[in-house]
Structure formats: C-alpha cells, structure tokens
Amino acid sequence: MYAIVKTGGKQYKVAPGDKINIEKLNVEPGDKVELEAICVVDGDKVEADPAKAAKTKVVATVLEQFKGDKQLVFKFKKRKNYKKLRGHRQNLTRVKIESVGTAKAE
C-alpha cells in the first residue's frame, strides 16, 4: 500500500517505512505528524478522489531538522559584463513514514 501526500507545495509517493526529506515543519524531532493524502493505492484498488483519500491517515515521525545541499544561482547577461553568483541552502525536515491507513512499517 502506498499514498501520494502533499506537503510544502510538493507531492511525494510514500509507503510505510520510507524516509523522505520535505520542506521544513515547525516540530521537534521525535514528534509525530500527519500528512495530507491526495491519492491512495492499495494493491488493485485506487482512491484518486482527494476528498475520500484525505480520510486515510498518513502518520510520520520527525527524525531531524537540517539544511540541504547548496544550490548555486548564477545570473549572466552576455555582452553586458553582468555576472552574479549566489548560493542557497533550503531548510528541510527528514521524516519516516510509520503508517499509511492500516498498513504499518516493519
């Protein structure tokens, strides 16, 4: 069983036991958080209606808060002698999916 969850403006395919990096959540490591499911797939049955899929609980445990890899932003305009280099490190949260509906992680 797996689900498509939406958090931080992005969508992720998750199954019980998966570890994913998502946009920063304001919670402490060790806390449990519930993610919003927009699609649930259980073997042969697919629930694609977001209103019905939202009833399925996707529970995750926060493992850590960290900063991601540096992303370089380079702006350049030819023949104008314009160059600008900037860096950005996004704040992220690593979570472990504990359960999707009735399916639990080992």
C-alpha atoms as a PDB file:
ATOM      1  CA  MET A   1       0.000   0.000   0.000  1.00  0.00           C
ATOM      2  CA  TYR A   2       1.264   3.469  -0.834  1.00  0.00           C
ATOM      3  CA  ALA A   3      -0.090   7.003  -0.940  1.00  0.00           C
ATOM      4  CA  ILE A   4       0.614  10.297  -2.637  1.00  0.00           C
ATOM      5  CA  VAL A   5       0.930  13.009   0.029  1.00  0.00           C
ATOM      6  CA  LYS A   6       1.057  16.772  -0.360  1.00  0.00           C
ATOM      7  CA  THR A   7       3.210  18.947   1.877  1.00  0.00           C
ATOM      8  CA  GLY A   8       5.173  22.140   1.342  1.00  0.00           C
ATOM      9  CA  GLY A   9       3.652  22.649  -2.114  1.00  0.00           C
ATOM     10  CA  LYS A  10       5.096  19.363  -3.382  1.00  0.00           C
ATOM     11  CA  GLN A  11       3.778  15.821  -3.772  1.00  0.00           C
ATOM     12  CA  TYR A  12       5.579  12.667  -2.627  1.00  0.00           C
ATOM     13  CA  LYS A  13       4.907   8.952  -3.155  1.00  0.00           C
ATOM     14  CA  VAL A  14       5.257   7.275   0.255  1.00  0.00           C
ATOM     15  CA  ALA A  15       4.909   3.760   1.658  1.00  0.00           C
ATOM     16  CA  PRO A  16       5.285   2.557   5.261  1.00  0.00           C
ATOM     17  CA  GLY A  17       8.969   2.581   6.269  1.00  0.00           C
ATOM     18  CA  ASP A  18      10.089   5.230   3.741  1.00  0.00           C
ATOM     19  CA  LYS A  19      12.316   8.131   4.796  1.00  0.00           C
ATOM     20  CA  ILE A  20      11.800  11.364   2.873  1.00  0.00           C
ATOM     21  CA  ASN A  21      13.095  14.944   3.036  1.00  0.00           C
ATOM     22  CA  ILE A  22      10.323  17.550   2.958  1.00  0.00           C
ATOM     23  CA  GLU A  23      10.052  21.318   3.405  1.00  0.00           C
ATOM     24  CA  LYS A  24      10.727  22.457   6.975  1.00  0.00           C
ATOM     25  CA  LEU A  25       7.969  21.738   9.505  1.00  0.00           C
ATOM     26  CA  ASN A  26       7.905  23.553  12.842  1.00  0.00           C
ATOM     27  CA  VAL A  27       8.001  20.414  15.006  1.00  0.00           C
ATOM     28  CA  GLU A  28      10.616  18.841  17.249  1.00  0.00           C
ATOM     29  CA  PRO A  29      12.497  15.626  16.338  1.00  0.00           C
ATOM     30  CA  GLY A  30      10.634  12.608  17.698  1.00  0.00           C
ATOM     31  CA  ASP A  31       7.179  14.169  17.264  1.00  0.00           C
ATOM     32  CA  LYS A  32       4.530  12.542  15.102  1.00  0.00           C
ATOM     33  CA  VAL A  33       2.976  14.467  12.228  1.00  0.00           C
ATOM     34  CA  GLU A  34       0.016  13.626   9.992  1.00  0.00           C
ATOM     35  CA  LEU A  35       0.374  14.312   6.256  1.00  0.00           C
ATOM     36  CA  GLU A  36      -2.450  15.042   3.822  1.00  0.00           C
ATOM     37  CA  ALA A  37      -3.070  12.169   1.380  1.00  0.00           C
ATOM     38  CA  ILE A  38      -4.413  13.054  -2.071  1.00  0.00           C
ATOM     39  CA  CYS A  39      -4.306   9.545  -3.597  1.00  0.00           C
ATOM     40  CA  VAL A  40      -4.189   6.081  -2.002  1.00  0.00           C
ATOM     41  CA  VAL A  41      -3.280   2.838  -3.817  1.00  0.00           C
ATOM     42  CA  ASP A  42      -3.989  -0.477  -2.091  1.00  0.00           C
ATOM     43  CA  GLY A  43      -2.971  -3.291  -4.440  1.00  0.00           C
ATOM     44  CA  ASP A  44      -5.771  -3.356  -7.011  1.00  0.00           C
ATOM     45  CA  LYS A  45      -7.937  -0.552  -5.541  1.00  0.00           C
ATOM     46  CA  VAL A  46      -7.068   3.106  -6.278  1.00  0.00           C
ATOM     47  CA  GLU A  47      -8.703   6.002  -4.428  1.00  0.00           C
ATOM     48  CA  ALA A  48      -7.943   9.066  -6.552  1.00  0.00           C
ATOM     49  CA  ASP A  49     -10.607  11.418  -5.146  1.00  0.00           C
ATOM     50  CA  PRO A  50      -8.718  13.813  -2.811  1.00  0.00           C
ATOM     51  CA  ALA A  51     -11.760  14.246  -0.542  1.00  0.00           C
ATOM     52  CA  LYS A  52     -12.049  10.490   0.078  1.00  0.00           C
ATOM     53  CA  ALA A  53      -8.273   9.913   0.156  1.00  0.00           C
ATOM     54  CA  ALA A  54      -7.877  12.618   2.831  1.00  0.00           C
ATOM     55  CA  LYS A  55      -9.722  10.325   5.267  1.00  0.00           C
ATOM     56  CA  THR A  56      -6.774   7.912   5.086  1.00  0.00           C
ATOM     57  CA  LYS A  57      -4.250   8.785   7.788  1.00  0.00           C
ATOM     58  CA  VAL A  58      -0.592   9.002   6.810  1.00  0.00           C
ATOM     59  CA  VAL A  59       1.424   9.194  10.045  1.00  0.00           C
ATOM     60  CA  ALA A  60       5.121  10.128  10.043  1.00  0.00           C
ATOM     61  CA  THR A  61       7.763  10.598  12.747  1.00  0.00           C
ATOM     62  CA  VAL A  62      10.175  13.533  12.510  1.00  0.00           C
ATOM     63  CA  LEU A  63      13.781  12.304  12.525  1.00  0.00           C
ATOM     64  CA  GLU A  64      15.753  15.548  12.182  1.00  0.00           C
ATOM     65  CA  GLN A  65      15.815  19.163  11.013  1.00  0.00           C
ATOM     66  CA  PHE A  66      18.696  20.031   8.680  1.00  0.00           C
ATOM     67  CA  LYS A  67      19.852  22.213   5.813  1.00  0.00           C
ATOM     68  CA  GLY A  68      20.006  20.757   2.317  1.00  0.00           C
ATOM     69  CA  ASP A  69      22.849  20.906  -0.189  1.00  0.00           C
ATOM     70  CA  LYS A  70      23.907  24.277  -1.550  1.00  0.00           C
ATOM     71  CA  GLN A  71      22.131  25.270  -4.743  1.00  0.00           C
ATOM     72  CA  LEU A  72      24.040  27.769  -6.889  1.00  0.00           C
ATOM     73  CA  VAL A  73      22.107  30.550  -8.611  1.00  0.00           C
ATOM     74  CA  PHE A  74      24.122  32.118 -11.455  1.00  0.00           C
ATOM     75  CA  LYS A  75      22.800  35.104 -13.387  1.00  0.00           C
ATOM     76  CA  PHE A  76      24.551  36.173 -16.567  1.00  0.00           C
ATOM     77  CA  LYS A  77      23.852  38.642 -19.355  1.00  0.00           C
ATOM     78  CA  LYS A  78      26.039  38.331 -22.413  1.00  0.00           C
ATOM     79  CA  ARG A  79      27.952  41.355 -23.671  1.00  0.00           C
ATOM     80  CA  LYS A  80      26.811  43.459 -20.680  1.00  0.00           C
ATOM     81  CA  ASN A  81      29.577  42.457 -18.240  1.00  0.00           C
ATOM     82  CA  TYR A  82      26.918  41.300 -15.755  1.00  0.00           C
ATOM     83  CA  LYS A  83      27.524  38.221 -13.620  1.00  0.00           C
ATOM     84  CA  LYS A  84      26.065  37.355 -10.224  1.00  0.00           C
ATOM     85  CA  LEU A  85      26.639  34.180  -8.219  1.00  0.00           C
ATOM     86  CA  ARG A  86      24.521  33.374  -5.195  1.00  0.00           C
ATOM     87  CA  GLY A  87      24.068  30.276  -3.074  1.00  0.00           C
ATOM     88  CA  HIS A  88      21.029  28.935  -1.256  1.00  0.00           C
ATOM     89  CA  ARG A  89      20.568  26.158   1.323  1.00  0.00           C
ATOM     90  CA  GLN A  90      16.966  25.117   1.973  1.00  0.00           C
ATOM     91  CA  ASN A  91      15.821  24.154   5.480  1.00  0.00           C
ATOM     92  CA  LEU A  92      14.462  20.595   5.365  1.00  0.00           C
ATOM     93  CA  THR A  93      12.843  18.049   7.674  1.00  0.00           C
ATOM     94  CA  ARG A  94      13.585  14.312   7.415  1.00  0.00           C
ATOM     95  CA  VAL A  95      10.559  12.151   8.286  1.00  0.00           C
ATOM     96  CA  LYS A  96       9.957   8.409   8.455  1.00  0.00           C
ATOM     97  CA  ILE A  97       6.547   7.165   7.334  1.00  0.00           C
ATOM     98  CA  GLU A  98       5.122   4.994  10.127  1.00  0.00           C
ATOM     99  CA  SER A  99       1.776   4.034   8.607  1.00  0.00           C
ATOM    100  CA  VAL A 100      -0.464   4.578   5.608  1.00  0.00           C
ATOM    101  CA  GLY A 101      -4.030   3.822   6.646  1.00  0.00           C
ATOM    102  CA  THR A 102      -3.953   0.368   8.241  1.00  0.00           C
ATOM    103  CA  ALA A 103      -0.566  -0.632   6.745  1.00  0.00           C
ATOM    104  CA  LYS A 104       2.247  -0.248   9.300  1.00  0.00           C
ATOM    105  CA  ALA A 105       6.031  -0.123   8.832  1.00  0.00           C
ATOM    106  CA  GLU A 106       8.108  -3.101   9.938  1.00  0.00           C
END
